[in-house]
Amino acid sequence: RVHAFPPPGTPPGVYVSATRLTPRRDLQQSGARAITHDDLRWMRCDWKTINLVGSVLARQAAVDAGAFEAIMHRDGVVTEGASSTIFAVIDGVLRTHPLGHRILPSVTRKVVLTCAAERKLTVREDAVTLDELRRADEVFLCGTANDVTPLVVVDGKPVGSGVPGPITNALGDALNARLRSHR
């Protein structure tokens, strides 16, 4: 294997494959299942690269367990989903991992945080521990392919009352309204 840059003048090669992104509206209404999974990725998760093997392994573990997403964690701290940002509502406070080298700075995350601010929700961008995740009132994921999707079961146990919560629903509606206004 050669890891150095190619010599100047080397013609670039580009291969593209595209499929239509269709968020699962059924899961946005009823909620989805997730598992927790060790975060196997390298320490520069804030760089958008094609090195997705850690995320692929986590997502496949979720699929194998009958879940929609894997919530990755490192040292007892939730980082993000295999292909999404994770939010939790704990004691009325909306929380998500702060920006830094452990998560990808998602555009959808930024818009959801803007929607939360517009609704005057209390938001803290700080690490959520696995213990806090397990006792959260609401948990949801967001991302380009999934908009806002409530997580109602994590590791086989219900989140809160086991149905999508009011903050999750409000932010999902706000994001969908914003997306419709830009189409």
N, C-alpha and C. Protein backbone atom coordinates (compact mmCIF):
# COMPACT_ATOMS: atom_id res chain seq x y z
N ARG A 1 0.84 -1.18 0.00
CA ARG A 1 0.00 0.00 0.00
C ARG A 1 0.88 1.23 0.00
N VAL A 2 0.45 2.22 -0.72
CA VAL A 2 1.17 3.49 -0.79
C VAL A 2 0.28 4.58 -0.21
N HIS A 3 0.78 5.31 0.79
CA HIS A 3 -0.04 6.31 1.46
C HIS A 3 0.38 7.74 1.17
N ALA A 4 1.39 7.94 0.35
CA ALA A 4 1.82 9.31 0.03
C ALA A 4 0.92 9.88 -1.06
N PHE A 5 0.94 11.20 -1.20
CA PHE A 5 0.18 11.84 -2.27
C PHE A 5 0.72 11.40 -3.62
N PRO A 6 -0.13 11.31 -4.64
CA PRO A 6 0.36 10.96 -5.98
C PRO A 6 1.18 12.12 -6.54
N PRO A 7 2.01 11.86 -7.54
CA PRO A 7 2.82 12.94 -8.10
C PRO A 7 1.94 13.99 -8.79
N PRO A 8 2.44 15.22 -8.87
CA PRO A 8 1.69 16.27 -9.57
C PRO A 8 1.33 15.82 -10.99
N GLY A 9 0.15 16.22 -11.43
CA GLY A 9 -0.30 15.88 -12.77
C GLY A 9 -1.07 14.58 -12.86
N THR A 10 -1.17 13.84 -11.76
CA THR A 10 -1.94 12.60 -11.78
C THR A 10 -3.42 12.95 -11.95
N PRO A 11 -4.08 12.39 -12.97
CA PRO A 11 -5.50 12.73 -13.16
C PRO A 11 -6.36 12.14 -12.04
N PRO A 12 -7.31 12.91 -11.55
CA PRO A 12 -8.17 12.40 -10.47
C PRO A 12 -9.14 11.36 -10.99
N GLY A 13 -9.52 10.47 -10.14
CA GLY A 13 -10.55 9.48 -10.46
C GLY A 13 -11.71 9.67 -9.49
N VAL A 14 -12.91 9.73 -10.02
CA VAL A 14 -14.08 9.93 -9.18
C VAL A 14 -15.13 8.88 -9.53
N TYR A 15 -15.66 8.24 -8.52
CA TYR A 15 -16.74 7.28 -8.69
C TYR A 15 -17.89 7.73 -7.79
N VAL A 16 -19.09 7.76 -8.33
CA VAL A 16 -20.24 8.24 -7.58
C VAL A 16 -21.37 7.22 -7.67
N SER A 17 -21.99 7.00 -6.54
CA SER A 17 -23.21 6.20 -6.48
C SER A 17 -24.20 6.98 -5.64
N ALA A 18 -25.42 7.12 -6.09
CA ALA A 18 -26.40 7.91 -5.35
C ALA A 18 -27.73 7.17 -5.26
N THR A 19 -28.37 7.32 -4.11
CA THR A 19 -29.72 6.81 -3.93
C THR A 19 -30.54 7.90 -3.26
N ARG A 20 -31.83 7.86 -3.47
CA ARG A 20 -32.72 8.86 -2.88
C ARG A 20 -32.80 8.63 -1.36
N LEU A 21 -32.67 9.71 -0.61
CA LEU A 21 -32.83 9.64 0.84
C LEU A 21 -34.31 9.78 1.17
N THR A 22 -34.85 8.81 1.83
CA THR A 22 -36.26 8.85 2.21
C THR A 22 -36.37 8.58 3.71
N PRO A 23 -36.53 9.65 4.52
CA PRO A 23 -36.66 9.43 5.96
C PRO A 23 -37.84 8.51 6.27
N ARG A 24 -37.70 7.73 7.31
CA ARG A 24 -38.73 6.77 7.73
C ARG A 24 -39.81 7.51 8.53
N ARG A 25 -40.83 7.98 7.83
CA ARG A 25 -41.91 8.73 8.48
C ARG A 25 -42.63 7.87 9.53
N ASP A 26 -42.73 6.57 9.29
CA ASP A 26 -43.36 5.69 10.27
C ASP A 26 -42.61 5.72 11.60
N LEU A 27 -41.28 5.72 11.54
CA LEU A 27 -40.48 5.76 12.77
C LEU A 27 -40.52 7.14 13.41
N GLN A 28 -40.69 8.18 12.61
CA GLN A 28 -40.80 9.52 13.18
C GLN A 28 -42.10 9.66 13.98
N GLN A 29 -43.10 8.88 13.63
CA GLN A 29 -44.38 8.90 14.36
C GLN A 29 -44.35 7.99 15.58
N SER A 30 -43.90 6.75 15.39
CA SER A 30 -44.00 5.75 16.45
C SER A 30 -42.73 5.62 17.29
N GLY A 31 -41.60 6.02 16.73
CA GLY A 31 -40.33 5.88 17.42
C GLY A 31 -39.57 4.65 16.96
N ALA A 32 -38.29 4.64 17.23
CA ALA A 32 -37.40 3.57 16.78
C ALA A 32 -36.67 2.96 17.97
N ARG A 33 -36.07 1.82 17.71
CA ARG A 33 -35.26 1.11 18.69
C ARG A 33 -33.78 1.40 18.42
N ALA A 34 -32.98 1.42 19.48
CA ALA A 34 -31.54 1.60 19.34
C ALA A 34 -30.82 0.69 20.32
N ILE A 35 -29.56 0.47 20.04
CA ILE A 35 -28.68 -0.22 20.98
C ILE A 35 -27.52 0.72 21.30
N THR A 36 -26.81 0.44 22.37
CA THR A 36 -25.56 1.14 22.63
C THR A 36 -24.42 0.27 22.13
N HIS A 37 -23.34 0.91 21.72
CA HIS A 37 -22.23 0.18 21.11
C HIS A 37 -20.94 0.96 21.36
N ASP A 38 -19.87 0.24 21.64
CA ASP A 38 -18.57 0.90 21.80
C ASP A 38 -18.25 1.73 20.56
N ASP A 39 -17.72 2.92 20.77
CA ASP A 39 -17.30 3.78 19.66
C ASP A 39 -15.91 3.32 19.24
N LEU A 40 -15.85 2.64 18.11
CA LEU A 40 -14.60 2.05 17.62
C LEU A 40 -13.84 2.96 16.66
N ARG A 41 -14.35 4.17 16.44
CA ARG A 41 -13.74 5.06 15.45
C ARG A 41 -12.46 5.69 15.99
N TRP A 42 -11.68 6.25 15.08
CA TRP A 42 -10.47 6.94 15.47
C TRP A 42 -10.83 8.25 16.16
N MET A 43 -9.85 8.99 16.62
CA MET A 43 -10.11 10.16 17.46
C MET A 43 -10.36 11.46 16.69
N ARG A 44 -10.52 11.41 15.37
CA ARG A 44 -10.84 12.63 14.61
C ARG A 44 -12.19 12.44 13.92
N CYS A 45 -13.21 12.23 14.72
CA CYS A 45 -14.56 12.01 14.18
C CYS A 45 -15.14 13.30 13.60
N ASP A 46 -14.51 14.44 13.88
CA ASP A 46 -14.97 15.72 13.34
C ASP A 46 -14.54 15.92 11.89
N TRP A 47 -13.72 15.04 11.37
CA TRP A 47 -13.31 15.10 9.96
C TRP A 47 -14.23 14.19 9.16
N LYS A 48 -14.86 14.73 8.14
CA LYS A 48 -15.73 13.91 7.28
C LYS A 48 -14.83 13.17 6.30
N THR A 49 -14.69 11.88 6.52
CA THR A 49 -13.80 11.06 5.70
C THR A 49 -14.57 9.84 5.18
N ILE A 50 -13.91 9.05 4.38
CA ILE A 50 -14.54 7.82 3.90
C ILE A 50 -14.20 6.63 4.81
N ASN A 51 -13.48 6.88 5.89
CA ASN A 51 -13.16 5.82 6.85
C ASN A 51 -14.35 5.63 7.79
N LEU A 52 -15.29 4.80 7.37
CA LEU A 52 -16.53 4.61 8.12
C LEU A 52 -16.66 3.24 8.75
N VAL A 53 -15.57 2.48 8.81
CA VAL A 53 -15.67 1.09 9.26
C VAL A 53 -16.24 0.99 10.68
N GLY A 54 -15.86 1.87 11.59
CA GLY A 54 -16.40 1.83 12.95
C GLY A 54 -17.91 2.06 12.97
N SER A 55 -18.37 3.03 12.19
CA SER A 55 -19.80 3.30 12.09
C SER A 55 -20.55 2.16 11.41
N VAL A 56 -19.95 1.60 10.38
CA VAL A 56 -20.58 0.47 9.67
C VAL A 56 -20.74 -0.72 10.61
N LEU A 57 -19.71 -1.03 11.38
CA LEU A 57 -19.79 -2.16 12.32
C LEU A 57 -20.86 -1.91 13.39
N ALA A 58 -20.93 -0.68 13.89
CA ALA A 58 -21.94 -0.35 14.90
C ALA A 58 -23.35 -0.45 14.32
N ARG A 59 -23.53 0.10 13.12
CA ARG A 59 -24.86 0.06 12.49
C ARG A 59 -25.28 -1.38 12.19
N GLN A 60 -24.34 -2.21 11.75
CA GLN A 60 -24.68 -3.61 11.48
C GLN A 60 -25.05 -4.33 12.77
N ALA A 61 -24.36 -4.01 13.85
CA ALA A 61 -24.72 -4.61 15.14
C ALA A 61 -26.15 -4.22 15.52
N ALA A 62 -26.53 -2.97 15.23
CA ALA A 62 -27.91 -2.53 15.50
C ALA A 62 -28.90 -3.33 14.65
N VAL A 63 -28.62 -3.43 13.37
CA VAL A 63 -29.50 -4.19 12.47
C VAL A 63 -29.62 -5.64 12.94
N ASP A 64 -28.50 -6.24 13.29
CA ASP A 64 -28.50 -7.63 13.77
C ASP A 64 -29.34 -7.79 15.04
N ALA A 65 -29.41 -6.72 15.84
CA ALA A 65 -30.18 -6.75 17.09
C ALA A 65 -31.63 -6.31 16.88
N GLY A 66 -32.01 -6.04 15.63
CA GLY A 66 -33.38 -5.61 15.35
C GLY A 66 -33.63 -4.16 15.67
N ALA A 67 -32.57 -3.36 15.71
CA ALA A 67 -32.68 -1.93 16.03
C ALA A 67 -32.41 -1.08 14.80
N PHE A 68 -32.80 0.18 14.89
CA PHE A 68 -32.63 1.12 13.79
C PHE A 68 -31.26 1.81 13.82
N GLU A 69 -30.74 2.08 15.03
CA GLU A 69 -29.50 2.84 15.15
C GLU A 69 -28.67 2.30 16.31
N ALA A 70 -27.37 2.54 16.22
CA ALA A 70 -26.44 2.25 17.31
C ALA A 70 -26.00 3.58 17.92
N ILE A 71 -26.17 3.71 19.22
CA ILE A 71 -25.70 4.89 19.95
C ILE A 71 -24.30 4.56 20.43
N MET A 72 -23.32 5.25 19.87
CA MET A 72 -21.93 4.92 20.20
C MET A 72 -21.49 5.67 21.46
N HIS A 73 -20.61 5.01 22.21
CA HIS A 73 -20.09 5.60 23.44
C HIS A 73 -18.62 5.23 23.61
N ARG A 74 -17.93 6.12 24.32
CA ARG A 74 -16.52 5.92 24.62
C ARG A 74 -16.30 6.31 26.07
N ASP A 75 -15.70 5.43 26.84
CA ASP A 75 -15.41 5.71 28.26
C ASP A 75 -16.67 6.11 29.03
N GLY A 76 -17.80 5.46 28.71
CA GLY A 76 -19.04 5.72 29.43
C GLY A 76 -19.78 6.97 29.01
N VAL A 77 -19.32 7.61 27.93
CA VAL A 77 -19.92 8.86 27.45
C VAL A 77 -20.47 8.65 26.04
N VAL A 78 -21.73 9.05 25.83
CA VAL A 78 -22.35 8.97 24.52
C VAL A 78 -21.66 9.95 23.59
N THR A 79 -21.27 9.48 22.41
CA THR A 79 -20.67 10.37 21.42
C THR A 79 -21.73 10.75 20.39
N GLU A 80 -22.10 9.81 19.53
CA GLU A 80 -23.14 10.06 18.53
C GLU A 80 -23.63 8.72 18.01
N GLY A 81 -24.60 8.77 17.11
CA GLY A 81 -25.09 7.55 16.49
C GLY A 81 -24.16 7.13 15.36
N ALA A 82 -24.36 5.91 14.87
CA ALA A 82 -23.53 5.42 13.77
C ALA A 82 -23.68 6.29 12.53
N SER A 83 -24.86 6.90 12.36
CA SER A 83 -25.07 7.81 11.23
C SER A 83 -25.95 8.98 11.63
N SER A 84 -25.82 9.44 12.87
CA SER A 84 -26.71 10.50 13.36
C SER A 84 -26.13 11.18 14.58
N THR A 85 -26.75 12.30 14.94
CA THR A 85 -26.47 12.99 16.19
C THR A 85 -27.49 12.50 17.22
N ILE A 86 -27.07 12.34 18.46
CA ILE A 86 -27.96 11.88 19.52
C ILE A 86 -28.25 13.03 20.48
N PHE A 87 -29.53 13.20 20.80
CA PHE A 87 -29.99 14.17 21.79
C PHE A 87 -30.73 13.41 22.88
N ALA A 88 -30.66 13.93 24.11
CA ALA A 88 -31.43 13.36 25.22
C ALA A 88 -32.07 14.50 25.99
N VAL A 89 -33.28 14.28 26.46
CA VAL A 89 -33.96 15.22 27.36
C VAL A 89 -33.86 14.62 28.75
N ILE A 90 -33.14 15.32 29.62
CA ILE A 90 -32.90 14.85 30.98
C ILE A 90 -33.31 15.96 31.94
N ASP A 91 -34.29 15.68 32.78
CA ASP A 91 -34.80 16.67 33.73
C ASP A 91 -35.18 17.97 33.03
N GLY A 92 -35.82 17.86 31.86
CA GLY A 92 -36.30 19.03 31.12
C GLY A 92 -35.25 19.77 30.32
N VAL A 93 -34.02 19.29 30.32
CA VAL A 93 -32.93 19.95 29.60
C VAL A 93 -32.55 19.12 28.38
N LEU A 94 -32.50 19.78 27.22
CA LEU A 94 -32.08 19.12 25.98
C LEU A 94 -30.56 19.09 25.96
N ARG A 95 -30.00 17.89 25.83
CA ARG A 95 -28.54 17.75 25.87
C ARG A 95 -28.03 16.97 24.68
N THR A 96 -26.84 17.34 24.24
CA THR A 96 -26.14 16.63 23.17
C THR A 96 -24.65 16.85 23.36
N HIS A 97 -23.86 15.96 22.81
CA HIS A 97 -22.41 16.05 22.95
C HIS A 97 -21.91 17.36 22.35
N PRO A 98 -20.97 18.03 23.00
CA PRO A 98 -20.43 19.27 22.43
C PRO A 98 -19.59 19.00 21.19
N LEU A 99 -19.48 20.03 20.36
CA LEU A 99 -18.61 19.91 19.20
C LEU A 99 -17.18 19.66 19.66
N GLY A 100 -16.44 18.94 18.87
CA GLY A 100 -15.06 18.61 19.19
C GLY A 100 -14.64 17.43 18.34
N HIS A 101 -13.52 16.84 18.68
CA HIS A 101 -12.97 15.77 17.85
C HIS A 101 -13.74 14.46 17.94
N ARG A 102 -14.68 14.33 18.88
CA ARG A 102 -15.41 13.06 19.05
C ARG A 102 -16.67 12.95 18.20
N ILE A 103 -17.14 14.07 17.61
CA ILE A 103 -18.37 14.00 16.79
C ILE A 103 -18.21 14.80 15.51
N LEU A 104 -19.02 14.43 14.52
CA LEU A 104 -19.06 15.17 13.26
C LEU A 104 -19.96 16.39 13.46
N PRO A 105 -19.52 17.58 13.04
CA PRO A 105 -20.35 18.78 13.20
C PRO A 105 -21.50 18.80 12.18
N SER A 106 -22.56 18.13 12.50
CA SER A 106 -23.70 17.91 11.60
C SER A 106 -24.47 19.20 11.33
N VAL A 107 -24.84 19.40 10.08
CA VAL A 107 -25.68 20.54 9.70
C VAL A 107 -27.06 20.38 10.34
N THR A 108 -27.61 19.18 10.33
CA THR A 108 -28.93 18.95 10.92
C THR A 108 -28.90 19.22 12.42
N ARG A 109 -27.83 18.84 13.09
CA ARG A 109 -27.66 19.13 14.52
C ARG A 109 -27.75 20.63 14.76
N LYS A 110 -27.06 21.40 13.92
CA LYS A 110 -27.05 22.86 14.06
C LYS A 110 -28.46 23.43 13.90
N VAL A 111 -29.21 22.92 12.92
CA VAL A 111 -30.57 23.41 12.69
C VAL A 111 -31.48 23.02 13.85
N VAL A 112 -31.35 21.81 14.37
CA VAL A 112 -32.17 21.39 15.52
C VAL A 112 -31.86 22.27 16.72
N LEU A 113 -30.60 22.59 16.96
CA LEU A 113 -30.26 23.49 18.07
C LEU A 113 -30.85 24.88 17.86
N THR A 114 -30.88 25.35 16.62
CA THR A 114 -31.51 26.64 16.31
C THR A 114 -33.01 26.58 16.60
N CYS A 115 -33.66 25.50 16.18
CA CYS A 115 -35.09 25.31 16.46
C CYS A 115 -35.34 25.29 17.97
N ALA A 116 -34.47 24.65 18.73
CA ALA A 116 -34.61 24.59 20.18
C ALA A 116 -34.49 25.98 20.79
N ALA A 117 -33.53 26.77 20.31
CA ALA A 117 -33.35 28.13 20.81
C ALA A 117 -34.57 28.99 20.50
N GLU A 118 -35.11 28.84 19.30
CA GLU A 118 -36.31 29.60 18.91
C GLU A 118 -37.50 29.26 19.80
N ARG A 119 -37.53 28.06 20.35
CA ARG A 119 -38.61 27.64 21.23
C ARG A 119 -38.26 27.87 22.70
N LYS A 120 -37.15 28.53 22.93
CA LYS A 120 -36.70 28.89 24.29
C LYS A 120 -36.51 27.66 25.18
N LEU A 121 -36.07 26.56 24.57
CA LEU A 121 -35.77 25.36 25.35
C LEU A 121 -34.42 25.52 26.04
N THR A 122 -34.29 24.93 27.19
CA THR A 122 -33.00 24.91 27.87
C THR A 122 -32.14 23.84 27.22
N VAL A 123 -30.97 24.26 26.73
CA VAL A 123 -30.08 23.37 25.99
C VAL A 123 -28.70 23.39 26.64
N ARG A 124 -28.12 22.22 26.78
CA ARG A 124 -26.73 22.12 27.24
C ARG A 124 -25.97 21.23 26.28
N GLU A 125 -24.92 21.77 25.71
CA GLU A 125 -24.03 20.97 24.87
C GLU A 125 -22.93 20.43 25.77
N ASP A 126 -23.23 19.31 26.40
CA ASP A 126 -22.23 18.64 27.22
C ASP A 126 -22.46 17.14 27.14
N ALA A 127 -21.47 16.40 27.53
CA ALA A 127 -21.51 14.95 27.39
C ALA A 127 -22.64 14.34 28.21
N VAL A 128 -23.31 13.37 27.61
CA VAL A 128 -24.34 12.58 28.28
C VAL A 128 -23.71 11.23 28.59
N THR A 129 -23.76 10.84 29.85
CA THR A 129 -23.20 9.52 30.20
C THR A 129 -24.21 8.43 29.84
N LEU A 130 -23.73 7.20 29.79
CA LEU A 130 -24.63 6.08 29.54
C LEU A 130 -25.69 5.97 30.64
N ASP A 131 -25.31 6.23 31.89
CA ASP A 131 -26.29 6.19 32.98
C ASP A 131 -27.36 7.25 32.78
N GLU A 132 -26.97 8.46 32.37
CA GLU A 132 -27.95 9.51 32.11
C GLU A 132 -28.85 9.14 30.94
N LEU A 133 -28.27 8.55 29.90
CA LEU A 133 -29.06 8.13 28.75
C LEU A 133 -30.14 7.14 29.18
N ARG A 134 -29.79 6.23 30.06
CA ARG A 134 -30.72 5.18 30.49
C ARG A 134 -31.88 5.74 31.31
N ARG A 135 -31.70 6.89 31.93
CA ARG A 135 -32.80 7.47 32.71
C ARG A 135 -33.41 8.71 32.04
N ALA A 136 -33.04 8.95 30.79
CA ALA A 136 -33.56 10.12 30.07
C ALA A 136 -35.07 10.02 29.88
N ASP A 137 -35.72 11.18 29.86
CA ASP A 137 -37.16 11.25 29.59
C ASP A 137 -37.45 11.05 28.11
N GLU A 138 -36.55 11.56 27.26
CA GLU A 138 -36.68 11.43 25.81
C GLU A 138 -35.29 11.27 25.22
N VAL A 139 -35.20 10.53 24.13
CA VAL A 139 -33.97 10.42 23.35
C VAL A 139 -34.39 10.45 21.88
N PHE A 140 -33.64 11.20 21.08
CA PHE A 140 -33.90 11.18 19.65
C PHE A 140 -32.60 11.32 18.89
N LEU A 141 -32.67 10.95 17.63
CA LEU A 141 -31.53 11.14 16.74
C LEU A 141 -31.93 12.13 15.67
N CYS A 142 -30.94 12.74 15.05
CA CYS A 142 -31.21 13.58 13.89
C CYS A 142 -30.07 13.42 12.91
N GLY A 143 -30.40 13.66 11.66
CA GLY A 143 -29.41 13.58 10.60
C GLY A 143 -30.07 13.83 9.26
N THR A 144 -29.26 14.04 8.26
CA THR A 144 -29.76 14.33 6.93
C THR A 144 -30.71 13.25 6.43
N ALA A 145 -30.39 12.00 6.68
CA ALA A 145 -31.19 10.89 6.16
C ALA A 145 -32.41 10.57 7.02
N ASN A 146 -32.47 11.12 8.25
CA ASN A 146 -33.54 10.72 9.17
C ASN A 146 -34.30 11.87 9.81
N ASP A 147 -33.95 13.12 9.47
CA ASP A 147 -34.57 14.27 10.13
C ASP A 147 -34.50 14.06 11.64
N VAL A 148 -35.60 14.25 12.37
CA VAL A 148 -35.65 13.95 13.80
C VAL A 148 -36.44 12.66 13.97
N THR A 149 -35.81 11.66 14.56
CA THR A 149 -36.46 10.37 14.78
C THR A 149 -36.39 10.03 16.27
N PRO A 150 -37.55 9.89 16.93
CA PRO A 150 -37.55 9.53 18.35
C PRO A 150 -37.01 8.12 18.56
N LEU A 151 -36.28 7.94 19.64
CA LEU A 151 -35.84 6.61 20.07
C LEU A 151 -36.65 6.26 21.31
N VAL A 152 -37.46 5.21 21.22
CA VAL A 152 -38.37 4.86 22.31
C VAL A 152 -37.92 3.63 23.09
N VAL A 153 -36.94 2.91 22.54
CA VAL A 153 -36.36 1.75 23.23
C VAL A 153 -34.86 1.79 23.00
N VAL A 154 -34.09 1.70 24.08
CA VAL A 154 -32.63 1.62 23.98
C VAL A 154 -32.18 0.40 24.78
N ASP A 155 -31.45 -0.47 24.13
CA ASP A 155 -30.97 -1.71 24.75
C ASP A 155 -32.12 -2.52 25.36
N GLY A 156 -33.25 -2.54 24.66
CA GLY A 156 -34.39 -3.34 25.09
C GLY A 156 -35.23 -2.74 26.19
N LYS A 157 -34.89 -1.54 26.66
CA LYS A 157 -35.64 -0.89 27.73
C LYS A 157 -36.30 0.38 27.21
N PRO A 158 -37.54 0.66 27.65
CA PRO A 158 -38.22 1.86 27.15
C PRO A 158 -37.51 3.14 27.59
N VAL A 159 -37.55 4.12 26.71
CA VAL A 159 -37.08 5.47 27.03
C VAL A 159 -38.27 6.24 27.58
N GLY A 160 -38.15 6.80 28.77
CA GLY A 160 -39.27 7.53 29.36
C GLY A 160 -40.50 6.66 29.43
N SER A 161 -41.60 7.17 28.85
CA SER A 161 -42.87 6.42 28.86
C SER A 161 -42.97 5.44 27.70
N GLY A 162 -41.93 5.35 26.87
CA GLY A 162 -41.92 4.40 25.76
C GLY A 162 -42.59 4.89 24.50
N VAL A 163 -42.93 6.19 24.47
CA VAL A 163 -43.51 6.80 23.27
C VAL A 163 -42.75 8.10 22.99
N PRO A 164 -42.81 8.61 21.75
CA PRO A 164 -42.13 9.88 21.46
C PRO A 164 -42.62 10.98 22.40
N GLY A 165 -41.67 11.77 22.91
CA GLY A 165 -42.00 12.80 23.88
C GLY A 165 -42.31 14.14 23.24
N PRO A 166 -42.83 15.08 24.04
CA PRO A 166 -43.26 16.37 23.52
C PRO A 166 -42.13 17.23 22.95
N ILE A 167 -40.97 17.21 23.56
CA ILE A 167 -39.85 18.01 23.04
C ILE A 167 -39.37 17.43 21.72
N THR A 168 -39.25 16.13 21.66
CA THR A 168 -38.85 15.47 20.41
C THR A 168 -39.85 15.79 19.30
N ASN A 169 -41.14 15.65 19.59
CA ASN A 169 -42.16 15.93 18.58
C ASN A 169 -42.13 17.39 18.14
N ALA A 170 -41.96 18.31 19.08
CA ALA A 170 -41.92 19.74 18.73
C ALA A 170 -40.73 20.04 17.83
N LEU A 171 -39.58 19.48 18.16
CA LEU A 171 -38.39 19.74 17.34
C LEU A 171 -38.49 19.05 15.98
N GLY A 172 -39.09 17.87 15.94
CA GLY A 172 -39.32 17.20 14.66
C GLY A 172 -40.23 18.02 13.77
N ASP A 173 -41.32 18.54 14.35
CA ASP A 173 -42.24 19.39 13.58
C ASP A 173 -41.54 20.65 13.10
N ALA A 174 -40.73 21.26 13.96
CA ALA A 174 -40.02 22.49 13.59
C ALA A 174 -39.03 22.24 12.46
N LEU A 175 -38.29 21.14 12.55
CA LEU A 175 -37.33 20.82 11.49
C LEU A 175 -38.07 20.55 10.18
N ASN A 176 -39.15 19.78 10.24
CA ASN A 176 -39.90 19.48 9.02
C ASN A 176 -40.48 20.74 8.39
N ALA A 177 -40.98 21.67 9.21
CA ALA A 177 -41.50 22.94 8.68
C ALA A 177 -40.39 23.73 8.00
N ARG A 178 -39.23 23.74 8.62
CA ARG A 178 -38.09 24.46 8.03
C ARG A 178 -37.67 23.82 6.71
N LEU A 179 -37.64 22.50 6.67
CA LEU A 179 -37.27 21.81 5.43
C LEU A 179 -38.29 22.07 4.32
N ARG A 180 -39.59 22.04 4.67
CA ARG A 180 -40.63 22.32 3.66
C ARG A 180 -40.51 23.74 3.12
N SER A 181 -40.12 24.67 3.96
CA SER A 181 -40.03 26.07 3.51
C SER A 181 -38.87 26.29 2.55
N HIS A 182 -37.93 25.35 2.49
CA HIS A 182 -36.76 25.48 1.61
C HIS A 182 -36.85 24.60 0.37
N ARG A 183 -37.96 23.93 0.17
CA ARG A 183 -38.08 23.05 -1.00
C ARG A 183 -38.67 23.78 -2.17
